[in-house]
């Protein structure tokens, strides 16, 4: 049974909430614990110390990942762990030259993996006619995302840091070749993992106020969402200034990412490349 937070815990929780939203009307938690503290303190790390993971840490992280929910217990995801420096370098090149992929202790590529069920059906003389449908591919992507986020919580509890790498989808055919992926397996995203460099300040990135994302009973678009968006835009400029980044705000940044195919870093060809990887969506 959850117990109400003490005064000290409430203050700690309120501070964590404010750090995440940077709004005076940030929620005041009535309950608080170490798990919530860990979740709200999450931030992406792109600077790592030159240290390997402790013995058994990777296996523990993956156990955490496998404890995530999985649709119908299909478990249609896998992950490839890369520690070889040359392979990390090649994957960094495929991801647009991201240095943190080269510098991390281990680079994880999370996969939507329908090959396991396909092979299992063949071994048992059974049909697997549902595999080419969008629903099963989406299930693999969702399963991989759920598992990966569990992994992030697990690794952060061990004092490690990480950053997601969506650029694995920029050149999926090349990534598949590098990782020897069979048909029906797709690299959804990567994750650089290691010990964060304490000399590099990494702040908690502000998020949209809850009035933009928390809808009650039915979806609402209106003044409340616009207020949350405009407030975040201003707070995000502050964050960018603190981190030494161009002060363009949140609205300009996100709209520049969705302006058209030219902003998608090659991912506008994803449907055709999925077909080339044996993922034929119906």
C-alpha atoms as a PDB file:
ATOM      1  CA  UNK A   1       0.000   0.000   0.000  1.00  0.00           C
ATOM      2  CA  UNK A   2       1.373   3.418  -0.962  1.00  0.00           C
ATOM      3  CA  UNK A   3       1.923   5.795   1.911  1.00  0.00           C
ATOM      4  CA  UNK A   4       1.458   9.571   1.622  1.00  0.00           C
ATOM      5  CA  UNK A   5       4.711  11.405   1.108  1.00  0.00           C
ATOM      6  CA  UNK A   6       6.390  13.058   4.074  1.00  0.00           C
ATOM      7  CA  UNK A   7       6.958  16.810   3.992  1.00  0.00           C
ATOM      8  CA  UNK A   8      10.544  16.270   2.852  1.00  0.00           C
ATOM      9  CA  UNK A   9       9.483  13.799   0.149  1.00  0.00           C
ATOM     10  CA  UNK A  10       6.749  16.181  -1.020  1.00  0.00           C
ATOM     11  CA  UNK A  11       9.271  18.999  -1.334  1.00  0.00           C
ATOM     12  CA  UNK A  12      11.663  16.706  -3.188  1.00  0.00           C
ATOM     13  CA  UNK A  13       8.892  15.584  -5.520  1.00  0.00           C
ATOM     14  CA  UNK A  14       7.739  19.150  -6.137  1.00  0.00           C
ATOM     15  CA  UNK A  15      11.298  20.150  -7.021  1.00  0.00           C
ATOM     16  CA  UNK A  16      11.575  17.240  -9.468  1.00  0.00           C
ATOM     17  CA  UNK A  17       8.226  18.176 -11.037  1.00  0.00           C
ATOM     18  CA  UNK A  18       9.307  21.797 -11.431  1.00  0.00           C
ATOM     19  CA  UNK A  19      12.609  20.723 -12.984  1.00  0.00           C
ATOM     20  CA  UNK A  20      10.696  18.665 -15.568  1.00  0.00           C
ATOM     21  CA  UNK A  21       8.031  21.262 -16.450  1.00  0.00           C
ATOM     22  CA  UNK A  22       9.561  24.593 -15.332  1.00  0.00           C
ATOM     23  CA  UNK A  23       6.039  25.821 -14.613  1.00  0.00           C
ATOM     24  CA  UNK A  24       4.784  27.398 -11.399  1.00  0.00           C
ATOM     25  CA  UNK A  25       1.630  25.273 -11.750  1.00  0.00           C
ATOM     26  CA  UNK A  26       3.560  22.006 -11.990  1.00  0.00           C
ATOM     27  CA  UNK A  27       1.757  19.139 -10.217  1.00  0.00           C
ATOM     28  CA  UNK A  28       2.397  18.704  -6.510  1.00  0.00           C
ATOM     29  CA  UNK A  29       2.855  14.988  -5.812  1.00  0.00           C
ATOM     30  CA  UNK A  30       0.912  13.491  -2.934  1.00  0.00           C
ATOM     31  CA  UNK A  31       3.117  10.394  -3.109  1.00  0.00           C
ATOM     32  CA  UNK A  32       6.827  10.127  -3.839  1.00  0.00           C
ATOM     33  CA  UNK A  33       9.469   7.412  -3.948  1.00  0.00           C
ATOM     34  CA  UNK A  34      12.850   6.532  -5.407  1.00  0.00           C
ATOM     35  CA  UNK A  35      11.327   5.185  -8.628  1.00  0.00           C
ATOM     36  CA  UNK A  36       9.528   8.467  -9.339  1.00  0.00           C
ATOM     37  CA  UNK A  37      12.705  10.348  -8.470  1.00  0.00           C
ATOM     38  CA  UNK A  38      14.634   8.280 -11.009  1.00  0.00           C
ATOM     39  CA  UNK A  39      12.007   8.676 -13.736  1.00  0.00           C
ATOM     40  CA  UNK A  40      11.672  12.439 -13.449  1.00  0.00           C
ATOM     41  CA  UNK A  41      15.441  12.942 -13.333  1.00  0.00           C
ATOM     42  CA  UNK A  42      15.888  11.248 -16.728  1.00  0.00           C
ATOM     43  CA  UNK A  43      17.999  13.066 -19.284  1.00  0.00           C
ATOM     44  CA  UNK A  44      19.896  12.040 -22.413  1.00  0.00           C
ATOM     45  CA  UNK A  45      23.664  11.628 -22.078  1.00  0.00           C
ATOM     46  CA  UNK A  46      25.976  12.125 -25.053  1.00  0.00           C
ATOM     47  CA  UNK A  47      29.319  12.304 -23.250  1.00  0.00           C
ATOM     48  CA  UNK A  48      30.715   9.140 -21.682  1.00  0.00           C
ATOM     49  CA  UNK A  49      33.746   8.166 -19.639  1.00  0.00           C
ATOM     50  CA  UNK A  50      36.113   5.618 -21.253  1.00  0.00           C
ATOM     51  CA  UNK A  51      34.914   2.789 -19.008  1.00  0.00           C
ATOM     52  CA  UNK A  52      33.394  -0.590 -19.757  1.00  0.00           C
ATOM     53  CA  UNK A  53      30.196  -1.734 -18.128  1.00  0.00           C
ATOM     54  CA  UNK A  54      30.609  -3.752 -14.928  1.00  0.00           C
ATOM     55  CA  UNK A  55      30.442  -7.534 -15.228  1.00  0.00           C
ATOM     56  CA  UNK A  56      26.849  -8.658 -15.491  1.00  0.00           C
ATOM     57  CA  UNK A  57      25.416  -5.148 -15.960  1.00  0.00           C
ATOM     58  CA  UNK A  58      24.306  -5.741 -19.547  1.00  0.00           C
ATOM     59  CA  UNK A  59      22.537  -8.974 -18.664  1.00  0.00           C
ATOM     60  CA  UNK A  60      20.783  -7.263 -15.746  1.00  0.00           C
ATOM     61  CA  UNK A  61      19.655  -4.414 -18.013  1.00  0.00           C
ATOM     62  CA  UNK A  62      18.273  -6.882 -20.556  1.00  0.00           C
ATOM     63  CA  UNK A  63      16.426  -8.746 -17.798  1.00  0.00           C
ATOM     64  CA  UNK A  64      14.792  -5.435 -16.948  1.00  0.00           C
ATOM     65  CA  UNK A  65      13.939  -4.968 -20.614  1.00  0.00           C
ATOM     66  CA  UNK A  66      12.391  -8.426 -20.831  1.00  0.00           C
ATOM     67  CA  UNK A  67      10.212  -7.610 -17.845  1.00  0.00           C
ATOM     68  CA  UNK A  68       8.326  -5.013 -19.887  1.00  0.00           C
ATOM     69  CA  UNK A  69       4.875  -5.801 -21.216  1.00  0.00           C
ATOM     70  CA  UNK A  70       4.722  -7.610 -24.551  1.00  0.00           C
ATOM     71  CA  UNK A  71       1.601  -7.939 -26.687  1.00  0.00           C
ATOM     72  CA  UNK A  72       0.047 -11.432 -26.348  1.00  0.00           C
ATOM     73  CA  UNK A  73       3.410 -12.569 -24.952  1.00  0.00           C
ATOM     74  CA  UNK A  74       4.709 -12.726 -28.541  1.00  0.00           C
ATOM     75  CA  UNK A  75       8.060 -11.172 -27.515  1.00  0.00           C
ATOM     76  CA  UNK A  76       8.678  -9.981 -31.060  1.00  0.00           C
ATOM     77  CA  UNK A  77      11.788  -7.939 -30.323  1.00  0.00           C
ATOM     78  CA  UNK A  78      15.502  -8.541 -29.986  1.00  0.00           C
ATOM     79  CA  UNK A  79      18.541  -6.380 -29.300  1.00  0.00           C
ATOM     80  CA  UNK A  80      22.098  -6.463 -30.634  1.00  0.00           C
ATOM     81  CA  UNK A  81      24.811  -5.293 -28.220  1.00  0.00           C
ATOM     82  CA  UNK A  82      27.903  -3.852 -29.907  1.00  0.00           C
ATOM     83  CA  UNK A  83      31.167  -3.317 -28.033  1.00  0.00           C
ATOM     84  CA  UNK A  84      33.612  -3.758 -30.926  1.00  0.00           C
ATOM     85  CA  UNK A  85      35.068  -0.317 -31.610  1.00  0.00           C
ATOM     86  CA  UNK A  86      35.268  -0.671 -35.365  1.00  0.00           C
ATOM     87  CA  UNK A  87      31.658  -1.761 -35.621  1.00  0.00           C
ATOM     88  CA  UNK A  88      30.596   1.137 -33.391  1.00  0.00           C
ATOM     89  CA  UNK A  89      32.540   3.462 -35.684  1.00  0.00           C
ATOM     90  CA  UNK A  90      30.776   2.126 -38.757  1.00  0.00           C
ATOM     91  CA  UNK A  91      27.363   2.450 -37.122  1.00  0.00           C
ATOM     92  CA  UNK A  92      28.253   5.986 -36.038  1.00  0.00           C
ATOM     93  CA  UNK A  93      29.030   6.807 -39.674  1.00  0.00           C
ATOM     94  CA  UNK A  94      25.670   5.371 -40.759  1.00  0.00           C
ATOM     95  CA  UNK A  95      23.996   7.554 -38.126  1.00  0.00           C
ATOM     96  CA  UNK A  96      25.492  10.767 -39.459  1.00  0.00           C
ATOM     97  CA  UNK A  97      28.775  10.677 -37.531  1.00  0.00           C
ATOM     98  CA  UNK A  98      27.400  10.818 -33.975  1.00  0.00           C
ATOM     99  CA  UNK A  99      30.458  10.748 -31.723  1.00  0.00           C
ATOM    100  CA  UNK A 100      28.631   9.353 -28.683  1.00  0.00           C
ATOM    101  CA  UNK A 101      28.108   6.087 -30.563  1.00  0.00           C
ATOM    102  CA  UNK A 102      31.875   5.785 -30.881  1.00  0.00           C
ATOM    103  CA  UNK A 103      32.466   6.768 -27.247  1.00  0.00           C
ATOM    104  CA  UNK A 104      29.828   4.699 -25.432  1.00  0.00           C
ATOM    105  CA  UNK A 105      30.678   1.494 -23.583  1.00  0.00           C
ATOM    106  CA  UNK A 106      28.057  -0.493 -25.469  1.00  0.00           C
ATOM    107  CA  UNK A 107      25.761   0.404 -28.331  1.00  0.00           C
ATOM    108  CA  UNK A 108      22.398  -1.349 -28.347  1.00  0.00           C
ATOM    109  CA  UNK A 109      20.313  -1.698 -31.505  1.00  0.00           C
ATOM    110  CA  UNK A 110      16.721  -2.562 -30.674  1.00  0.00           C
ATOM    111  CA  UNK A 111      14.941  -4.693 -33.246  1.00  0.00           C
ATOM    112  CA  UNK A 112      11.427  -5.501 -34.332  1.00  0.00           C
ATOM    113  CA  UNK A 113      11.944  -9.230 -34.748  1.00  0.00           C
ATOM    114  CA  UNK A 114       9.326 -11.269 -36.609  1.00  0.00           C
ATOM    115  CA  UNK A 115      11.922 -13.750 -37.874  1.00  0.00           C
ATOM    116  CA  UNK A 116      11.747 -15.787 -34.685  1.00  0.00           C
ATOM    117  CA  UNK A 117       8.058 -16.559 -35.149  1.00  0.00           C
ATOM    118  CA  UNK A 118       8.553 -17.119 -38.882  1.00  0.00           C
ATOM    119  CA  UNK A 119      11.301 -19.665 -38.206  1.00  0.00           C
ATOM    120  CA  UNK A 120       9.269 -21.289 -35.452  1.00  0.00           C
ATOM    121  CA  UNK A 121       6.300 -21.718 -37.782  1.00  0.00           C
ATOM    122  CA  UNK A 122       8.494 -23.340 -40.424  1.00  0.00           C
ATOM    123  CA  UNK A 123      10.063 -25.710 -37.896  1.00  0.00           C
ATOM    124  CA  UNK A 124       6.607 -26.789 -36.749  1.00  0.00           C
ATOM    125  CA  UNK A 125       5.010 -26.995 -40.185  1.00  0.00           C
ATOM    126  CA  UNK A 126       2.567 -24.205 -39.331  1.00  0.00           C
ATOM    127  CA  UNK A 127       1.365 -21.138 -41.205  1.00  0.00           C
ATOM    128  CA  UNK A 128       2.390 -17.637 -40.150  1.00  0.00           C
ATOM    129  CA  UNK A 129       0.224 -15.682 -42.554  1.00  0.00           C
ATOM    130  CA  UNK A 130      -0.335 -12.799 -40.133  1.00  0.00           C
ATOM    131  CA  UNK A 131       3.322 -11.760 -40.075  1.00  0.00           C
ATOM    132  CA  UNK A 132       3.268  -9.531 -43.199  1.00  0.00           C
ATOM    133  CA  UNK A 133       0.488  -7.323 -41.817  1.00  0.00           C
ATOM    134  CA  UNK A 134       1.030  -3.826 -40.393  1.00  0.00           C
ATOM    135  CA  UNK A 135      -0.381  -4.944 -37.039  1.00  0.00           C
ATOM    136  CA  UNK A 136       2.392  -7.479 -36.419  1.00  0.00           C
ATOM    137  CA  UNK A 137       5.134  -5.091 -37.542  1.00  0.00           C
ATOM    138  CA  UNK A 138       3.688  -2.395 -35.286  1.00  0.00           C
ATOM    139  CA  UNK A 139       3.576  -4.909 -32.449  1.00  0.00           C
ATOM    140  CA  UNK A 140       7.302  -5.550 -32.903  1.00  0.00           C
ATOM    141  CA  UNK A 141       8.073  -1.823 -32.879  1.00  0.00           C
ATOM    142  CA  UNK A 142       5.943  -1.228 -29.780  1.00  0.00           C
ATOM    143  CA  UNK A 143       7.459  -4.241 -27.989  1.00  0.00           C
ATOM    144  CA  UNK A 144      10.971  -2.988 -28.771  1.00  0.00           C
ATOM    145  CA  UNK A 145      10.141   0.498 -27.482  1.00  0.00           C
ATOM    146  CA  UNK A 146       8.606  -0.822 -24.261  1.00  0.00           C
ATOM    147  CA  UNK A 147      11.595  -3.075 -23.641  1.00  0.00           C
ATOM    148  CA  UNK A 148      14.077  -0.312 -24.381  1.00  0.00           C
ATOM    149  CA  UNK A 149      12.460   2.143 -22.000  1.00  0.00           C
ATOM    150  CA  UNK A 150      12.518  -0.481 -19.258  1.00  0.00           C
ATOM    151  CA  UNK A 151      16.214  -0.875 -20.044  1.00  0.00           C
ATOM    152  CA  UNK A 152      16.754   2.866 -19.625  1.00  0.00           C
ATOM    153  CA  UNK A 153      15.198   2.800 -16.170  1.00  0.00           C
ATOM    154  CA  UNK A 154      17.290  -0.237 -15.246  1.00  0.00           C
ATOM    155  CA  UNK A 155      20.577   1.206 -16.477  1.00  0.00           C
ATOM    156  CA  UNK A 156      19.961   4.569 -14.818  1.00  0.00           C
ATOM    157  CA  UNK A 157      19.342   2.772 -11.528  1.00  0.00           C
ATOM    158  CA  UNK A 158      22.861   1.344 -11.929  1.00  0.00           C
ATOM    159  CA  UNK A 159      24.406   4.792 -12.360  1.00  0.00           C
ATOM    160  CA  UNK A 160      24.656   4.558 -16.153  1.00  0.00           C
ATOM    161  CA  UNK A 161      23.327   6.939 -18.794  1.00  0.00           C
ATOM    162  CA  UNK A 162      22.076   6.600 -22.337  1.00  0.00           C
ATOM    163  CA  UNK A 163      20.718   8.348 -25.396  1.00  0.00           C
ATOM    164  CA  UNK A 164      18.358   6.987 -28.041  1.00  0.00           C
ATOM    165  CA  UNK A 165      19.586   7.000 -31.654  1.00  0.00           C
ATOM    166  CA  UNK A 166      16.715   7.228 -34.133  1.00  0.00           C
ATOM    167  CA  UNK A 167      19.231   7.597 -36.954  1.00  0.00           C
ATOM    168  CA  UNK A 168      19.448   3.813 -37.202  1.00  0.00           C
ATOM    169  CA  UNK A 169      16.433   4.295 -39.492  1.00  0.00           C
ATOM    170  CA  UNK A 170      18.327   6.647 -41.812  1.00  0.00           C
ATOM    171  CA  UNK A 171      20.045   3.781 -43.598  1.00  0.00           C
ATOM    172  CA  UNK A 172      18.247   0.603 -42.515  1.00  0.00           C
ATOM    173  CA  UNK A 173      19.640  -1.581 -45.308  1.00  0.00           C
ATOM    174  CA  UNK A 174      23.219  -0.757 -44.354  1.00  0.00           C
ATOM    175  CA  UNK A 175      22.454  -1.271 -40.657  1.00  0.00           C
ATOM    176  CA  UNK A 176      20.878  -4.650 -41.446  1.00  0.00           C
ATOM    177  CA  UNK A 177      23.979  -5.698 -43.398  1.00  0.00           C
ATOM    178  CA  UNK A 178      26.326  -4.572 -40.625  1.00  0.00           C
ATOM    179  CA  UNK A 179      24.352  -6.530 -38.007  1.00  0.00           C
ATOM    180  CA  UNK A 180      23.608  -9.547 -40.232  1.00  0.00           C
ATOM    181  CA  UNK A 181      19.867  -9.130 -39.752  1.00  0.00           C
ATOM    182  CA  UNK A 182      17.694 -11.796 -41.413  1.00  0.00           C
ATOM    183  CA  UNK A 183      14.477 -11.002 -43.309  1.00  0.00           C
ATOM    184  CA  UNK A 184      11.611  -9.777 -41.115  1.00  0.00           C
ATOM    185  CA  UNK A 185      13.983  -8.067 -38.668  1.00  0.00           C
ATOM    186  CA  UNK A 186      14.271  -4.274 -38.551  1.00  0.00           C
ATOM    187  CA  UNK A 187      16.480  -1.930 -36.519  1.00  0.00           C
ATOM    188  CA  UNK A 188      13.973   0.390 -34.846  1.00  0.00           C
ATOM    189  CA  UNK A 189      16.503   2.581 -33.023  1.00  0.00           C
ATOM    190  CA  UNK A 190      19.841   2.487 -31.270  1.00  0.00           C
ATOM    191  CA  UNK A 191      20.883   3.352 -27.739  1.00  0.00           C
ATOM    192  CA  UNK A 192      24.323   4.510 -26.628  1.00  0.00           C
ATOM    193  CA  UNK A 193      25.032   3.355 -23.060  1.00  0.00           C
ATOM    194  CA  UNK A 194      27.864   4.156 -20.702  1.00  0.00           C
ATOM    195  CA  UNK A 195      29.031   6.032 -17.629  1.00  0.00           C
ATOM    196  CA  UNK A 196      28.093   9.706 -18.045  1.00  0.00           C
ATOM    197  CA  UNK A 197      30.980  12.172 -18.017  1.00  0.00           C
ATOM    198  CA  UNK A 198      30.350  14.325 -14.902  1.00  0.00           C
ATOM    199  CA  UNK A 199      32.327  17.184 -16.455  1.00  0.00           C
ATOM    200  CA  UNK A 200      29.605  17.660 -19.080  1.00  0.00           C
ATOM    201  CA  UNK A 201      26.506  19.371 -17.698  1.00  0.00           C
ATOM    202  CA  UNK A 202      23.356  17.666 -18.933  1.00  0.00           C
ATOM    203  CA  UNK A 203      20.116  19.296 -17.862  1.00  0.00           C
ATOM    204  CA  UNK A 204      16.616  17.909 -17.487  1.00  0.00           C
ATOM    205  CA  UNK A 205      14.860  18.810 -20.732  1.00  0.00           C
ATOM    206  CA  UNK A 206      11.501  20.524 -20.125  1.00  0.00           C
ATOM    207  CA  UNK A 207       8.329  18.895 -21.376  1.00  0.00           C
ATOM    208  CA  UNK A 208       4.911  20.130 -22.406  1.00  0.00           C
ATOM    209  CA  UNK A 209       2.663  21.011 -19.491  1.00  0.00           C
ATOM    210  CA  UNK A 210       0.146  18.329 -18.668  1.00  0.00           C
ATOM    211  CA  UNK A 211      -2.724  20.401 -20.058  1.00  0.00           C
ATOM    212  CA  UNK A 212      -1.329  19.604 -23.516  1.00  0.00           C
ATOM    213  CA  UNK A 213      -1.045  15.848 -23.094  1.00  0.00           C
ATOM    214  CA  UNK A 214      -3.503  14.842 -20.363  1.00  0.00           C
ATOM    215  CA  UNK A 215      -7.043  14.763 -21.755  1.00  0.00           C
ATOM    216  CA  UNK A 216     -10.008  13.722 -19.636  1.00  0.00           C
ATOM    217  CA  UNK A 217     -12.792  11.734 -21.284  1.00  0.00           C
ATOM    218  CA  UNK A 218     -12.219  13.228 -24.773  1.00  0.00           C
ATOM    219  CA  UNK A 219      -9.393  14.854 -26.708  1.00  0.00           C
ATOM    220  CA  UNK A 220      -9.370  18.646 -26.537  1.00  0.00           C
ATOM    221  CA  UNK A 221      -7.534  21.145 -28.721  1.00  0.00           C
ATOM    222  CA  UNK A 222      -7.810  24.718 -27.587  1.00  0.00           C
ATOM    223  CA  UNK A 223      -6.570  27.422 -25.257  1.00  0.00           C
ATOM    224  CA  UNK A 224      -5.202  25.038 -22.628  1.00  0.00           C
ATOM    225  CA  UNK A 225      -3.004  23.194 -25.142  1.00  0.00           C
ATOM    226  CA  UNK A 226      -1.840  26.424 -26.752  1.00  0.00           C
ATOM    227  CA  UNK A 227      -0.890  27.851 -23.364  1.00  0.00           C
ATOM    228  CA  UNK A 228       1.141  24.738 -22.561  1.00  0.00           C
ATOM    229  CA  UNK A 229       2.824  24.872 -25.972  1.00  0.00           C
ATOM    230  CA  UNK A 230       3.708  28.558 -25.776  1.00  0.00           C
ATOM    231  CA  UNK A 231       4.990  28.184 -22.227  1.00  0.00           C
ATOM    232  CA  UNK A 232       7.199  25.273 -23.257  1.00  0.00           C
ATOM    233  CA  UNK A 233       8.494  27.272 -26.209  1.00  0.00           C
ATOM    234  CA  UNK A 234       9.795  29.944 -23.840  1.00  0.00           C
ATOM    235  CA  UNK A 235      11.143  27.462 -21.287  1.00  0.00           C
ATOM    236  CA  UNK A 236      12.842  25.480 -24.033  1.00  0.00           C
ATOM    237  CA  UNK A 237      14.686  28.595 -25.164  1.00  0.00           C
ATOM    238  CA  UNK A 238      15.996  28.945 -21.617  1.00  0.00           C
ATOM    239  CA  UNK A 239      17.092  25.307 -21.630  1.00  0.00           C
ATOM    240  CA  UNK A 240      18.850  25.720 -24.989  1.00  0.00           C
ATOM    241  CA  UNK A 241      20.678  28.783 -23.682  1.00  0.00           C
ATOM    242  CA  UNK A 242      21.798  26.906 -20.560  1.00  0.00           C
ATOM    243  CA  UNK A 243      23.088  24.012 -22.688  1.00  0.00           C
ATOM    244  CA  UNK A 244      24.886  26.266 -25.171  1.00  0.00           C
ATOM    245  CA  UNK A 245      22.493  25.336 -27.987  1.00  0.00           C
ATOM    246  CA  UNK A 246      20.908  27.606 -30.626  1.00  0.00           C
ATOM    247  CA  UNK A 247      17.973  29.387 -28.978  1.00  0.00           C
ATOM    248  CA  UNK A 248      15.262  28.474 -31.465  1.00  0.00           C
ATOM    249  CA  UNK A 249      12.566  27.310 -29.059  1.00  0.00           C
ATOM    250  CA  UNK A 250      10.419  24.206 -29.177  1.00  0.00           C
ATOM    251  CA  UNK A 251       7.865  25.217 -31.822  1.00  0.00           C
ATOM    252  CA  UNK A 252      10.421  26.088 -34.470  1.00  0.00           C
ATOM    253  CA  UNK A 253      12.493  22.988 -33.695  1.00  0.00           C
ATOM    254  CA  UNK A 254       9.657  20.476 -33.973  1.00  0.00           C
ATOM    255  CA  UNK A 255       8.062  22.085 -37.016  1.00  0.00           C
ATOM    256  CA  UNK A 256      11.410  22.027 -38.821  1.00  0.00           C
ATOM    257  CA  UNK A 257      11.497  18.258 -38.273  1.00  0.00           C
ATOM    258  CA  UNK A 258       8.115  17.682 -39.922  1.00  0.00           C
ATOM    259  CA  UNK A 259       8.234  20.259 -42.729  1.00  0.00           C
ATOM    260  CA  UNK A 260       8.570  17.622 -45.440  1.00  0.00           C
ATOM    261  CA  UNK A 261      10.490  14.619 -46.795  1.00  0.00           C
ATOM    262  CA  UNK A 262      13.681  16.681 -47.040  1.00  0.00           C
ATOM    263  CA  UNK A 263      13.757  16.901 -43.227  1.00  0.00           C
ATOM    264  CA  UNK A 264      13.504  13.151 -42.681  1.00  0.00           C
ATOM    265  CA  UNK A 265      17.171  12.228 -43.191  1.00  0.00           C
ATOM    266  CA  UNK A 266      16.304   9.559 -45.748  1.00  0.00           C
ATOM    267  CA  UNK A 267      13.502   8.007 -43.715  1.00  0.00           C
ATOM    268  CA  UNK A 268      10.900   9.010 -46.293  1.00  0.00           C
ATOM    269  CA  UNK A 269      12.021   5.864 -48.171  1.00  0.00           C
ATOM    270  CA  UNK A 270      11.370   3.627 -45.185  1.00  0.00           C
ATOM    271  CA  UNK A 271       8.408   1.739 -46.678  1.00  0.00           C
ATOM    272  CA  UNK A 272      10.444   0.642 -49.711  1.00  0.00           C
ATOM    273  CA  UNK A 273      13.449  -0.252 -47.571  1.00  0.00           C
ATOM    274  CA  UNK A 274      11.309  -2.321 -45.228  1.00  0.00           C
ATOM    275  CA  UNK A 275      10.151  -4.326 -48.222  1.00  0.00           C
ATOM    276  CA  UNK A 276      13.782  -4.847 -49.219  1.00  0.00           C
ATOM    277  CA  UNK A 277      14.393  -6.204 -45.712  1.00  0.00           C
ATOM    278  CA  UNK A 278      11.609  -8.757 -46.156  1.00  0.00           C
ATOM    279  CA  UNK A 279       9.079  -6.743 -44.146  1.00  0.00           C
ATOM    280  CA  UNK A 280       6.155  -6.643 -46.592  1.00  0.00           C
ATOM    281  CA  UNK A 281       3.358  -4.667 -44.993  1.00  0.00           C
ATOM    282  CA  UNK A 282      -0.275  -5.413 -45.870  1.00  0.00           C
END
